[in-house]
Amino acid sequence: MGKTYKPGEKAPRSGQYEITGPRGGKTGIERTVVKGEPLPPPLKPGQQYTLTDPTKHAGKLGK
């Protein structure tokens, strides 16, 4: 399992963050968050986020 992030914490990378339970169990629910934006409130108290699918950039487009 990867590093977990608390609601309200700024996202270190853009991508899909899965909501995990208080003991690390997966919920299957994901939120898309942009780097530097705060992670949204979870559905239930004690839940956190895990980065499951970071956004992949192809570099500078059109150059």
N, C-alpha and C. Protein backbone atom coordinates (compact mmCIF):
# COMPACT_ATOMS: atom_id res chain seq x y z
N MET A 1 0.84 -1.18 0.00
CA MET A 1 0.00 0.00 0.00
C MET A 1 0.89 1.24 0.00
N GLY A 2 0.46 2.28 -0.70
CA GLY A 2 1.23 3.50 -0.80
C GLY A 2 0.99 4.43 0.37
N LYS A 3 1.60 5.58 0.30
CA LYS A 3 1.47 6.61 1.33
C LYS A 3 0.03 7.11 1.35
N THR A 4 -0.47 7.38 2.54
CA THR A 4 -1.82 7.92 2.66
C THR A 4 -1.77 9.42 2.94
N TYR A 5 -2.82 10.10 2.51
CA TYR A 5 -2.92 11.55 2.66
C TYR A 5 -4.24 11.87 3.35
N LYS A 6 -4.22 12.88 4.20
CA LYS A 6 -5.42 13.26 4.94
C LYS A 6 -6.25 14.27 4.14
N PRO A 7 -7.57 14.28 4.37
CA PRO A 7 -8.43 15.27 3.72
C PRO A 7 -7.94 16.68 4.08
N GLY A 8 -7.96 17.58 3.10
CA GLY A 8 -7.51 18.94 3.32
C GLY A 8 -6.04 19.14 3.02
N GLU A 9 -5.27 18.04 3.02
CA GLU A 9 -3.84 18.11 2.69
C GLU A 9 -3.70 18.42 1.20
N LYS A 10 -2.66 19.17 0.83
CA LYS A 10 -2.46 19.49 -0.58
C LYS A 10 -1.94 18.26 -1.32
N ALA A 11 -2.50 18.01 -2.49
CA ALA A 11 -2.11 16.86 -3.30
C ALA A 11 -0.67 17.05 -3.81
N PRO A 12 0.21 16.06 -3.58
CA PRO A 12 1.59 16.18 -4.04
C PRO A 12 1.73 16.00 -5.55
N ARG A 13 0.77 15.30 -6.17
CA ARG A 13 0.77 15.05 -7.62
C ARG A 13 -0.67 15.07 -8.11
N SER A 14 -0.84 15.38 -9.38
CA SER A 14 -2.17 15.30 -9.99
C SER A 14 -2.48 13.83 -10.26
N GLY A 15 -3.74 13.46 -10.13
CA GLY A 15 -4.12 12.09 -10.46
C GLY A 15 -5.36 11.64 -9.73
N GLN A 16 -5.58 10.32 -9.75
CA GLN A 16 -6.73 9.69 -9.11
C GLN A 16 -6.33 9.25 -7.70
N TYR A 17 -7.08 9.70 -6.72
CA TYR A 17 -6.84 9.33 -5.32
C TYR A 17 -8.01 8.48 -4.85
N GLU A 18 -7.70 7.30 -4.31
CA GLU A 18 -8.76 6.42 -3.80
C GLU A 18 -8.97 6.70 -2.33
N ILE A 19 -10.25 6.71 -1.93
CA ILE A 19 -10.59 6.86 -0.52
C ILE A 19 -10.34 5.51 0.15
N THR A 20 -9.61 5.53 1.26
CA THR A 20 -9.34 4.30 2.02
C THR A 20 -9.94 4.44 3.41
N GLY A 21 -10.31 3.30 3.98
CA GLY A 21 -10.91 3.30 5.31
C GLY A 21 -9.88 3.59 6.39
N PRO A 22 -10.33 3.74 7.63
CA PRO A 22 -9.44 4.06 8.74
C PRO A 22 -8.32 3.04 8.96
N ARG A 23 -8.58 1.79 8.58
CA ARG A 23 -7.55 0.75 8.74
C ARG A 23 -6.89 0.38 7.41
N GLY A 24 -7.10 1.21 6.39
CA GLY A 24 -6.43 0.99 5.11
C GLY A 24 -7.20 0.20 4.08
N GLY A 25 -8.42 -0.18 4.40
CA GLY A 25 -9.23 -0.94 3.44
C GLY A 25 -9.67 -0.09 2.26
N LYS A 26 -9.69 -0.70 1.09
CA LYS A 26 -10.10 0.02 -0.13
C LYS A 26 -11.61 0.18 -0.18
N THR A 27 -12.05 1.32 -0.74
CA THR A 27 -13.49 1.56 -0.91
C THR A 27 -13.90 1.47 -2.37
N GLY A 28 -12.94 1.61 -3.29
CA GLY A 28 -13.25 1.60 -4.71
C GLY A 28 -13.72 2.94 -5.23
N ILE A 29 -13.74 3.95 -4.35
CA ILE A 29 -14.19 5.28 -4.74
C ILE A 29 -12.96 6.16 -4.95
N GLU A 30 -12.89 6.81 -6.12
CA GLU A 30 -11.75 7.66 -6.44
C GLU A 30 -12.18 9.09 -6.70
N ARG A 31 -11.28 10.01 -6.45
CA ARG A 31 -11.47 11.42 -6.73
C ARG A 31 -10.29 11.90 -7.56
N THR A 32 -10.55 12.76 -8.54
CA THR A 32 -9.49 13.36 -9.34
C THR A 32 -9.07 14.66 -8.67
N VAL A 33 -7.76 14.79 -8.40
CA VAL A 33 -7.26 15.98 -7.72
C VAL A 33 -6.05 16.51 -8.48
N VAL A 34 -5.98 17.83 -8.62
CA VAL A 34 -4.88 18.50 -9.30
C VAL A 34 -3.79 18.82 -8.27
N LYS A 35 -2.53 18.71 -8.68
CA LYS A 35 -1.40 18.98 -7.80
C LYS A 35 -1.56 20.35 -7.13
N GLY A 36 -1.35 20.38 -5.82
CA GLY A 36 -1.43 21.63 -5.06
C GLY A 36 -2.81 21.96 -4.53
N GLU A 37 -3.83 21.26 -5.02
CA GLU A 37 -5.20 21.49 -4.54
C GLU A 37 -5.44 20.63 -3.28
N PRO A 38 -6.30 21.09 -2.37
CA PRO A 38 -6.57 20.28 -1.17
C PRO A 38 -7.41 19.05 -1.51
N LEU A 39 -7.14 17.95 -0.82
CA LEU A 39 -7.95 16.75 -1.01
C LEU A 39 -9.32 17.00 -0.40
N PRO A 40 -10.39 16.56 -1.07
CA PRO A 40 -11.76 16.86 -0.60
C PRO A 40 -12.12 16.08 0.67
N PRO A 41 -13.18 16.52 1.34
CA PRO A 41 -13.65 15.78 2.52
C PRO A 41 -14.07 14.37 2.12
N PRO A 42 -13.80 13.37 2.95
CA PRO A 42 -14.21 12.00 2.62
C PRO A 42 -15.68 11.77 2.96
N LEU A 43 -16.15 10.57 2.67
CA LEU A 43 -17.55 10.23 2.92
C LEU A 43 -17.83 10.01 4.41
N LYS A 44 -16.84 9.45 5.13
CA LYS A 44 -17.00 9.13 6.55
C LYS A 44 -15.77 9.59 7.32
N PRO A 45 -15.93 9.88 8.61
CA PRO A 45 -14.78 10.28 9.42
C PRO A 45 -13.71 9.18 9.46
N GLY A 46 -12.45 9.59 9.49
CA GLY A 46 -11.35 8.65 9.60
C GLY A 46 -10.81 8.15 8.26
N GLN A 47 -11.51 8.43 7.17
CA GLN A 47 -11.04 7.98 5.87
C GLN A 47 -9.92 8.87 5.37
N GLN A 48 -9.03 8.30 4.55
CA GLN A 48 -7.90 9.03 3.98
C GLN A 48 -7.83 8.73 2.50
N TYR A 49 -6.77 9.22 1.84
CA TYR A 49 -6.60 9.03 0.40
C TYR A 49 -5.27 8.37 0.09
N THR A 50 -5.27 7.58 -0.99
CA THR A 50 -4.05 6.97 -1.52
C THR A 50 -4.00 7.26 -3.02
N LEU A 51 -2.85 7.72 -3.50
CA LEU A 51 -2.69 7.98 -4.93
C LEU A 51 -2.65 6.64 -5.66
N THR A 52 -3.62 6.41 -6.56
CA THR A 52 -3.68 5.13 -7.27
C THR A 52 -3.27 5.24 -8.73
N ASP A 53 -3.51 6.41 -9.34
CA ASP A 53 -3.20 6.57 -10.76
C ASP A 53 -2.71 7.99 -11.03
N PRO A 54 -1.39 8.22 -10.93
CA PRO A 54 -0.87 9.57 -11.20
C PRO A 54 -1.09 9.96 -12.65
N THR A 55 -1.32 11.25 -12.88
CA THR A 55 -1.49 11.75 -14.24
C THR A 55 -0.17 11.64 -14.98
N LYS A 56 -0.26 11.17 -16.22
CA LYS A 56 0.95 11.02 -17.04
C LYS A 56 0.99 12.15 -18.05
N HIS A 57 2.11 12.85 -18.10
CA HIS A 57 2.28 13.97 -19.04
C HIS A 57 3.23 13.56 -20.13
N ALA A 58 2.90 13.94 -21.36
CA ALA A 58 3.74 13.60 -22.51
C ALA A 58 4.80 14.67 -22.77
N GLY A 59 4.89 15.65 -21.88
CA GLY A 59 5.85 16.73 -22.10
C GLY A 59 5.15 17.92 -22.73
N LYS A 60 5.93 18.80 -23.33
CA LYS A 60 5.34 19.98 -23.97
C LYS A 60 4.71 19.59 -25.28
N LEU A 61 3.45 19.89 -25.43
CA LEU A 61 2.73 19.55 -26.66
C LEU A 61 2.89 20.67 -27.68
N GLY A 62 2.96 20.29 -28.94
CA GLY A 62 3.01 21.27 -30.01
C GLY A 62 4.37 21.92 -30.23
N LYS A 63 5.40 21.38 -29.62
CA LYS A 63 6.73 21.98 -29.80
C LYS A 63 7.71 20.94 -30.27
